[in-house]
């Protein structure tokens, strides 16, 4: 009886671990600001995310990156804009990348944490501890 319980407990632990490692941040995520939609994909040996939709993009589909600190980049479209890149790691945390915020035109040090299958936390820092974290929800 005890042996059966131990075998069952070990099996459940292994199944839980396998499920945790099967999770992936690749897919579409809803941001908490302006109903944004970001597509996360693998880019080289890291992850990147592109802005694909949001309230502002629906109202102004041809909107440009006018707040970018680099005047040469202000004419690029917001739709399809890569807003984070070069984050590396896994299976649940990625660090060392950059996060671009089109609302202020600045790029921050970034990291991503996959909290669970449907929750992603994106953190951007000017310099630690001056960071801001957003929680994104997977779009099914």
N, C-alpha and C. Protein backbone atom coordinates (compact mmCIF):
# COMPACT_ATOMS: atom_id res chain seq x y z
N UNK A 1 0.82 -1.19 0.00
CA UNK A 1 0.00 0.00 0.00
C UNK A 1 0.87 1.26 0.00
N UNK A 2 1.87 1.31 0.91
CA UNK A 2 2.76 2.47 0.97
C UNK A 2 3.56 2.57 -0.32
N UNK A 3 4.01 1.41 -0.82
CA UNK A 3 4.80 1.39 -2.06
C UNK A 3 3.98 1.94 -3.23
N UNK A 4 2.71 1.57 -3.32
CA UNK A 4 1.83 2.06 -4.38
C UNK A 4 1.67 3.57 -4.27
N UNK A 5 1.50 4.06 -3.06
CA UNK A 5 1.35 5.50 -2.86
C UNK A 5 2.62 6.24 -3.27
N UNK A 6 3.78 5.69 -2.95
CA UNK A 6 5.05 6.33 -3.33
C UNK A 6 5.23 6.34 -4.84
N UNK A 7 4.89 5.24 -5.50
CA UNK A 7 5.00 5.18 -6.96
C UNK A 7 4.04 6.18 -7.60
N UNK A 8 2.82 6.28 -7.08
CA UNK A 8 1.84 7.24 -7.59
C UNK A 8 2.32 8.68 -7.37
N UNK A 9 2.85 8.98 -6.20
CA UNK A 9 3.36 10.32 -5.91
C UNK A 9 4.53 10.67 -6.82
N UNK A 10 5.42 9.73 -7.04
CA UNK A 10 6.56 9.97 -7.93
C UNK A 10 6.08 10.22 -9.35
N UNK A 11 5.09 9.46 -9.79
CA UNK A 11 4.55 9.65 -11.14
C UNK A 11 3.90 11.02 -11.30
N UNK A 12 3.15 11.45 -10.30
CA UNK A 12 2.52 12.76 -10.36
C UNK A 12 3.56 13.87 -10.36
N UNK A 13 4.62 13.72 -9.59
CA UNK A 13 5.69 14.72 -9.55
C UNK A 13 6.36 14.82 -10.91
N UNK A 14 6.66 13.70 -11.53
CA UNK A 14 7.28 13.72 -12.85
C UNK A 14 6.34 14.32 -13.89
N UNK A 15 5.06 14.01 -13.82
CA UNK A 15 4.09 14.57 -14.76
C UNK A 15 4.00 16.08 -14.59
N UNK A 16 4.01 16.56 -13.35
CA UNK A 16 3.96 18.01 -13.10
C UNK A 16 5.20 18.69 -13.63
N UNK A 17 6.36 18.09 -13.42
CA UNK A 17 7.61 18.68 -13.92
C UNK A 17 7.60 18.72 -15.43
N UNK A 18 7.14 17.67 -16.07
CA UNK A 18 7.10 17.64 -17.54
C UNK A 18 6.15 18.71 -18.05
N UNK A 19 5.02 18.89 -17.39
CA UNK A 19 4.07 19.92 -17.82
C UNK A 19 4.67 21.31 -17.67
N UNK A 20 5.42 21.54 -16.60
CA UNK A 20 6.03 22.85 -16.40
C UNK A 20 7.05 23.15 -17.48
N UNK A 21 7.82 22.15 -17.89
CA UNK A 21 8.83 22.38 -18.90
C UNK A 21 8.24 22.43 -20.31
N UNK A 22 7.01 21.93 -20.47
CA UNK A 22 6.37 21.95 -21.79
C UNK A 22 5.82 23.33 -22.12
N UNK A 23 5.63 24.17 -21.10
CA UNK A 23 5.09 25.50 -21.33
C UNK A 23 6.06 26.33 -22.16
N UNK A 24 5.52 27.21 -22.95
CA UNK A 24 6.34 28.06 -23.81
C UNK A 24 5.71 29.45 -23.90
N UNK A 25 6.54 30.49 -23.94
CA UNK A 25 5.98 31.82 -24.11
C UNK A 25 5.63 32.16 -25.55
N UNK A 26 5.95 31.28 -26.47
CA UNK A 26 5.66 31.54 -27.88
C UNK A 26 4.15 31.59 -28.08
N UNK A 27 3.69 32.65 -28.73
CA UNK A 27 2.26 32.81 -28.98
C UNK A 27 1.86 34.27 -28.87
N UNK A 28 0.56 34.51 -28.75
CA UNK A 28 0.01 35.86 -28.69
C UNK A 28 -0.37 36.20 -27.26
N UNK A 29 -0.02 37.44 -26.84
CA UNK A 29 -0.23 37.89 -25.47
C UNK A 29 -0.90 39.26 -25.46
N UNK A 30 -1.88 39.40 -24.57
CA UNK A 30 -2.60 40.66 -24.38
C UNK A 30 -1.89 41.45 -23.29
N UNK A 31 -1.59 42.72 -23.58
CA UNK A 31 -0.95 43.59 -22.60
C UNK A 31 -2.02 44.33 -21.80
N UNK A 32 -1.67 44.85 -20.61
CA UNK A 32 -2.67 45.55 -19.81
C UNK A 32 -2.91 46.99 -20.25
N UNK A 33 -2.07 47.51 -21.15
CA UNK A 33 -2.26 48.90 -21.59
C UNK A 33 -2.76 48.94 -23.02
N UNK A 34 -3.79 49.68 -23.23
CA UNK A 34 -4.35 49.95 -24.55
C UNK A 34 -4.71 48.69 -25.33
N UNK A 35 -5.03 47.62 -24.58
CA UNK A 35 -5.49 46.39 -25.22
C UNK A 35 -4.50 45.88 -26.27
N UNK A 36 -3.21 46.07 -25.99
CA UNK A 36 -2.17 45.67 -26.93
C UNK A 36 -2.10 44.17 -27.12
N UNK A 37 -1.65 43.77 -28.29
CA UNK A 37 -1.45 42.36 -28.60
C UNK A 37 -0.03 42.21 -29.14
N UNK A 38 0.75 41.35 -28.48
CA UNK A 38 2.14 41.14 -28.84
C UNK A 38 2.32 39.67 -29.21
N UNK A 39 2.97 39.43 -30.36
CA UNK A 39 3.28 38.06 -30.77
C UNK A 39 4.72 37.75 -30.35
N UNK A 40 4.87 36.73 -29.50
CA UNK A 40 6.18 36.30 -29.03
C UNK A 40 6.63 35.11 -29.87
N UNK A 41 7.87 35.17 -30.33
CA UNK A 41 8.41 34.07 -31.13
C UNK A 41 9.88 33.85 -30.78
N UNK A 42 10.40 32.73 -31.26
CA UNK A 42 11.82 32.46 -31.10
C UNK A 42 12.56 33.23 -32.18
N UNK A 43 13.62 33.91 -31.78
CA UNK A 43 14.45 34.67 -32.71
C UNK A 43 15.89 34.30 -32.44
N UNK A 44 16.47 33.49 -33.33
CA UNK A 44 17.82 33.01 -33.08
C UNK A 44 17.82 32.15 -31.83
N UNK A 45 18.72 32.47 -30.89
CA UNK A 45 18.78 31.69 -29.66
C UNK A 45 18.06 32.37 -28.50
N UNK A 46 17.16 33.30 -28.82
CA UNK A 46 16.41 34.00 -27.79
C UNK A 46 14.96 34.17 -28.18
N UNK A 47 14.32 35.10 -27.53
CA UNK A 47 12.92 35.42 -27.81
C UNK A 47 12.79 36.87 -28.25
N UNK A 48 11.76 37.13 -29.03
CA UNK A 48 11.43 38.51 -29.39
C UNK A 48 9.91 38.64 -29.42
N UNK A 49 9.46 39.88 -29.37
CA UNK A 49 8.03 40.14 -29.39
C UNK A 49 7.70 41.30 -30.30
N UNK A 50 6.67 41.13 -31.12
CA UNK A 50 6.25 42.17 -32.06
C UNK A 50 4.85 42.65 -31.72
N UNK A 51 4.68 43.95 -31.78
CA UNK A 51 3.38 44.57 -31.56
C UNK A 51 2.52 44.33 -32.80
N UNK A 52 1.39 43.64 -32.63
CA UNK A 52 0.56 43.32 -33.79
C UNK A 52 -0.83 43.96 -33.77
N UNK A 53 -1.28 44.42 -32.58
CA UNK A 53 -2.61 45.01 -32.51
C UNK A 53 -2.74 45.80 -31.21
N UNK A 54 -3.79 46.60 -31.13
CA UNK A 54 -4.07 47.39 -29.94
C UNK A 54 -5.06 48.48 -30.28
N UNK A 55 -5.58 49.12 -29.26
CA UNK A 55 -6.57 50.18 -29.46
C UNK A 55 -6.04 51.27 -30.39
N UNK A 56 -4.82 51.74 -30.14
CA UNK A 56 -4.24 52.80 -30.97
C UNK A 56 -4.04 52.35 -32.41
N UNK A 57 -3.60 51.10 -32.60
CA UNK A 57 -3.37 50.60 -33.96
C UNK A 57 -4.68 50.43 -34.72
N UNK A 58 -5.75 50.07 -34.02
CA UNK A 58 -7.04 49.96 -34.70
C UNK A 58 -7.55 51.35 -35.10
N UNK A 59 -7.31 52.33 -34.23
CA UNK A 59 -7.76 53.70 -34.53
C UNK A 59 -6.87 54.35 -35.60
N UNK A 60 -5.58 54.00 -35.59
CA UNK A 60 -4.61 54.60 -36.52
C UNK A 60 -3.68 53.50 -37.05
N UNK A 61 -4.16 52.69 -38.02
CA UNK A 61 -3.38 51.54 -38.49
C UNK A 61 -2.03 51.91 -39.11
N UNK A 62 -1.88 53.14 -39.57
CA UNK A 62 -0.61 53.56 -40.18
C UNK A 62 0.27 54.35 -39.22
N UNK A 63 0.00 54.24 -37.90
CA UNK A 63 0.76 55.01 -36.90
C UNK A 63 2.25 54.68 -36.99
N UNK A 64 3.05 55.70 -36.78
CA UNK A 64 4.52 55.57 -36.85
C UNK A 64 5.12 55.70 -35.45
N UNK A 65 6.36 55.33 -35.36
CA UNK A 65 7.11 55.35 -34.11
C UNK A 65 7.64 56.77 -33.83
N UNK A 66 6.75 57.72 -33.73
CA UNK A 66 7.11 59.14 -33.69
C UNK A 66 7.83 59.58 -32.42
N UNK A 67 7.74 58.79 -31.35
CA UNK A 67 8.40 59.18 -30.09
C UNK A 67 9.79 58.57 -29.95
N UNK A 68 10.24 57.85 -30.95
CA UNK A 68 11.56 57.22 -30.86
C UNK A 68 12.64 58.26 -30.65
N UNK A 69 13.56 57.98 -29.76
CA UNK A 69 14.63 58.93 -29.46
C UNK A 69 15.59 59.11 -30.63
N UNK A 70 15.61 58.14 -31.54
CA UNK A 70 16.44 58.25 -32.74
C UNK A 70 15.57 58.79 -33.87
N UNK A 71 15.80 60.03 -34.30
CA UNK A 71 14.96 60.63 -35.35
C UNK A 71 14.91 59.79 -36.64
N UNK A 72 15.93 59.01 -36.92
CA UNK A 72 15.95 58.19 -38.13
C UNK A 72 14.94 57.04 -38.08
N UNK A 73 14.48 56.70 -36.87
CA UNK A 73 13.56 55.58 -36.72
C UNK A 73 12.10 56.01 -36.54
N UNK A 74 11.84 57.29 -36.57
CA UNK A 74 10.49 57.79 -36.29
C UNK A 74 9.47 57.52 -37.40
N UNK A 75 9.93 57.12 -38.55
CA UNK A 75 9.02 56.86 -39.66
C UNK A 75 8.64 55.39 -39.77
N UNK A 76 9.17 54.53 -38.91
CA UNK A 76 8.83 53.10 -39.01
C UNK A 76 7.44 52.86 -38.41
N UNK A 77 6.69 51.94 -39.00
CA UNK A 77 5.32 51.67 -38.51
C UNK A 77 5.34 51.00 -37.14
N UNK A 78 4.34 51.32 -36.31
CA UNK A 78 4.21 50.66 -35.02
C UNK A 78 3.72 49.22 -35.19
N UNK A 79 2.83 49.01 -36.15
CA UNK A 79 2.32 47.65 -36.37
C UNK A 79 3.47 46.77 -36.88
N UNK A 80 3.72 45.70 -36.17
CA UNK A 80 4.80 44.79 -36.52
C UNK A 80 6.13 45.17 -35.90
N UNK A 81 6.16 46.23 -35.11
CA UNK A 81 7.39 46.71 -34.50
C UNK A 81 7.86 45.73 -33.43
N UNK A 82 9.14 45.37 -33.48
CA UNK A 82 9.72 44.52 -32.44
C UNK A 82 9.90 45.36 -31.19
N UNK A 83 9.23 44.95 -30.10
CA UNK A 83 9.30 45.73 -28.88
C UNK A 83 10.17 45.08 -27.80
N UNK A 84 10.50 43.80 -27.97
CA UNK A 84 11.55 43.24 -27.12
C UNK A 84 12.32 42.21 -27.93
N UNK A 85 13.61 42.07 -27.57
CA UNK A 85 14.50 41.20 -28.33
C UNK A 85 15.73 40.82 -27.50
N UNK A 86 16.41 39.79 -27.96
CA UNK A 86 17.65 39.31 -27.33
C UNK A 86 17.48 38.81 -25.91
N UNK A 87 16.28 38.46 -25.49
CA UNK A 87 16.13 37.85 -24.17
C UNK A 87 16.45 36.37 -24.31
N UNK A 88 17.33 35.88 -23.46
CA UNK A 88 17.81 34.51 -23.58
C UNK A 88 17.63 33.77 -22.27
N UNK A 89 17.49 32.47 -22.36
CA UNK A 89 17.37 31.64 -21.17
C UNK A 89 16.32 30.58 -21.36
N UNK A 90 15.45 30.46 -20.37
CA UNK A 90 14.39 29.48 -20.39
C UNK A 90 14.67 28.41 -19.33
N UNK A 91 13.82 27.50 -19.03
CA UNK A 91 12.52 27.33 -19.69
C UNK A 91 11.43 28.25 -19.15
N UNK A 92 11.66 28.95 -18.02
CA UNK A 92 10.61 29.83 -17.51
C UNK A 92 11.07 31.27 -17.35
N UNK A 93 12.37 31.55 -17.43
CA UNK A 93 12.87 32.92 -17.29
C UNK A 93 13.90 33.22 -18.37
N UNK A 94 13.77 34.42 -18.95
CA UNK A 94 14.68 34.88 -19.99
C UNK A 94 15.18 36.26 -19.58
N UNK A 95 16.47 36.52 -19.74
CA UNK A 95 17.05 37.79 -19.29
C UNK A 95 18.02 38.32 -20.35
N UNK A 96 18.57 39.49 -20.05
CA UNK A 96 19.64 40.05 -20.86
C UNK A 96 19.20 40.75 -22.12
N UNK A 97 17.92 40.92 -22.30
CA UNK A 97 17.43 41.53 -23.53
C UNK A 97 17.09 42.99 -23.38
N UNK A 98 16.43 43.48 -24.40
CA UNK A 98 16.01 44.88 -24.44
C UNK A 98 14.50 44.96 -24.66
N UNK A 99 13.90 45.96 -24.03
CA UNK A 99 12.45 46.21 -24.16
C UNK A 99 12.30 47.64 -24.65
N UNK A 100 11.61 47.79 -25.78
CA UNK A 100 11.37 49.12 -26.33
C UNK A 100 9.94 49.54 -26.01
N UNK A 101 9.78 50.75 -25.50
CA UNK A 101 8.46 51.29 -25.18
C UNK A 101 8.12 52.39 -26.18
N UNK A 102 7.23 52.12 -27.14
CA UNK A 102 6.89 53.15 -28.13
C UNK A 102 6.17 54.35 -27.53
N UNK A 103 5.63 54.22 -26.31
CA UNK A 103 4.94 55.35 -25.68
C UNK A 103 5.91 56.46 -25.26
N UNK A 104 7.15 56.08 -24.91
CA UNK A 104 8.13 57.10 -24.55
C UNK A 104 9.36 57.09 -25.45
N UNK A 105 9.42 56.13 -26.38
CA UNK A 105 10.52 56.07 -27.33
C UNK A 105 11.83 55.62 -26.74
N UNK A 106 11.81 54.98 -25.58
CA UNK A 106 13.03 54.56 -24.91
C UNK A 106 13.16 53.04 -24.88
N UNK A 107 14.41 52.59 -24.81
CA UNK A 107 14.72 51.17 -24.71
C UNK A 107 15.28 50.89 -23.32
N UNK A 108 14.80 49.79 -22.72
CA UNK A 108 15.17 49.43 -21.36
C UNK A 108 15.79 48.03 -21.34
N UNK A 109 16.54 47.72 -20.26
CA UNK A 109 17.02 46.36 -20.04
C UNK A 109 15.79 45.52 -19.71
N UNK A 110 15.68 44.34 -20.32
CA UNK A 110 14.46 43.57 -20.14
C UNK A 110 14.64 42.14 -19.74
N UNK A 111 13.58 41.60 -19.16
CA UNK A 111 13.53 40.18 -18.83
C UNK A 111 12.07 39.72 -18.92
N UNK A 112 11.93 38.42 -19.04
CA UNK A 112 10.60 37.81 -19.18
C UNK A 112 10.53 36.61 -18.24
N UNK A 113 9.37 36.45 -17.62
CA UNK A 113 9.14 35.30 -16.76
C UNK A 113 7.80 34.68 -17.13
N UNK A 114 7.82 33.40 -17.45
CA UNK A 114 6.59 32.66 -17.73
C UNK A 114 6.08 32.14 -16.38
N UNK A 115 5.06 32.80 -15.84
CA UNK A 115 4.53 32.46 -14.52
C UNK A 115 3.77 31.15 -14.59
N UNK A 116 2.93 31.01 -15.60
CA UNK A 116 2.22 29.77 -15.88
C UNK A 116 1.87 29.79 -17.37
N UNK A 117 1.14 28.79 -17.84
CA UNK A 117 0.84 28.69 -19.27
C UNK A 117 0.17 29.94 -19.84
N UNK A 118 -0.55 30.68 -19.00
CA UNK A 118 -1.34 31.81 -19.50
C UNK A 118 -0.93 33.17 -18.94
N UNK A 119 0.20 33.23 -18.23
CA UNK A 119 0.64 34.47 -17.60
C UNK A 119 2.13 34.70 -17.86
N UNK A 120 2.43 35.85 -18.43
CA UNK A 120 3.80 36.23 -18.74
C UNK A 120 4.09 37.57 -18.08
N UNK A 121 5.23 37.70 -17.44
CA UNK A 121 5.62 38.97 -16.85
C UNK A 121 6.81 39.51 -17.62
N UNK A 122 6.67 40.73 -18.11
CA UNK A 122 7.73 41.42 -18.83
C UNK A 122 8.21 42.57 -17.95
N UNK A 123 9.52 42.62 -17.70
CA UNK A 123 10.10 43.66 -16.86
C UNK A 123 11.10 44.47 -17.67
N UNK A 124 10.99 45.78 -17.56
CA UNK A 124 11.94 46.69 -18.18
C UNK A 124 12.55 47.58 -17.11
N UNK A 125 13.87 47.75 -17.16
CA UNK A 125 14.57 48.52 -16.13
C UNK A 125 15.45 49.59 -16.77
N UNK A 126 15.40 50.79 -16.21
CA UNK A 126 16.36 51.82 -16.59
C UNK A 126 17.70 51.37 -16.02
N UNK A 127 17.72 51.12 -14.75
CA UNK A 127 18.81 50.50 -14.01
C UNK A 127 18.19 50.00 -12.72
N UNK A 128 18.49 48.75 -12.35
CA UNK A 128 17.89 48.19 -11.14
C UNK A 128 18.22 49.09 -9.96
N UNK A 129 17.29 49.37 -9.11
CA UNK A 129 15.95 48.80 -8.95
C UNK A 129 14.85 49.61 -9.63
N UNK A 130 15.18 50.46 -10.57
CA UNK A 130 14.18 51.29 -11.24
C UNK A 130 13.59 50.51 -12.42
N UNK A 131 12.64 49.64 -12.08
CA UNK A 131 12.06 48.72 -13.05
C UNK A 131 10.54 48.82 -13.02
N UNK A 132 9.93 48.39 -14.12
CA UNK A 132 8.48 48.31 -14.19
C UNK A 132 8.14 46.95 -14.80
N UNK A 133 7.17 46.29 -14.20
CA UNK A 133 6.75 44.97 -14.66
C UNK A 133 5.31 45.03 -15.12
N UNK A 134 5.05 44.41 -16.26
CA UNK A 134 3.68 44.26 -16.76
C UNK A 134 3.36 42.77 -16.78
N UNK A 135 2.12 42.45 -16.48
CA UNK A 135 1.66 41.08 -16.58
C UNK A 135 0.79 40.95 -17.81
N UNK A 136 1.16 40.03 -18.69
CA UNK A 136 0.44 39.80 -19.93
C UNK A 136 -0.34 38.48 -19.82
N UNK A 137 -1.44 38.40 -20.56
CA UNK A 137 -2.30 37.22 -20.55
C UNK A 137 -2.32 36.58 -21.95
N UNK A 138 -2.15 35.28 -21.98
CA UNK A 138 -2.14 34.57 -23.27
C UNK A 138 -3.50 34.69 -23.95
N UNK A 139 -3.47 34.91 -25.25
CA UNK A 139 -4.68 34.94 -26.07
C UNK A 139 -4.84 33.55 -26.64
N UNK A 140 -6.01 32.96 -26.43
CA UNK A 140 -6.22 31.58 -26.88
C UNK A 140 -6.92 31.54 -28.20
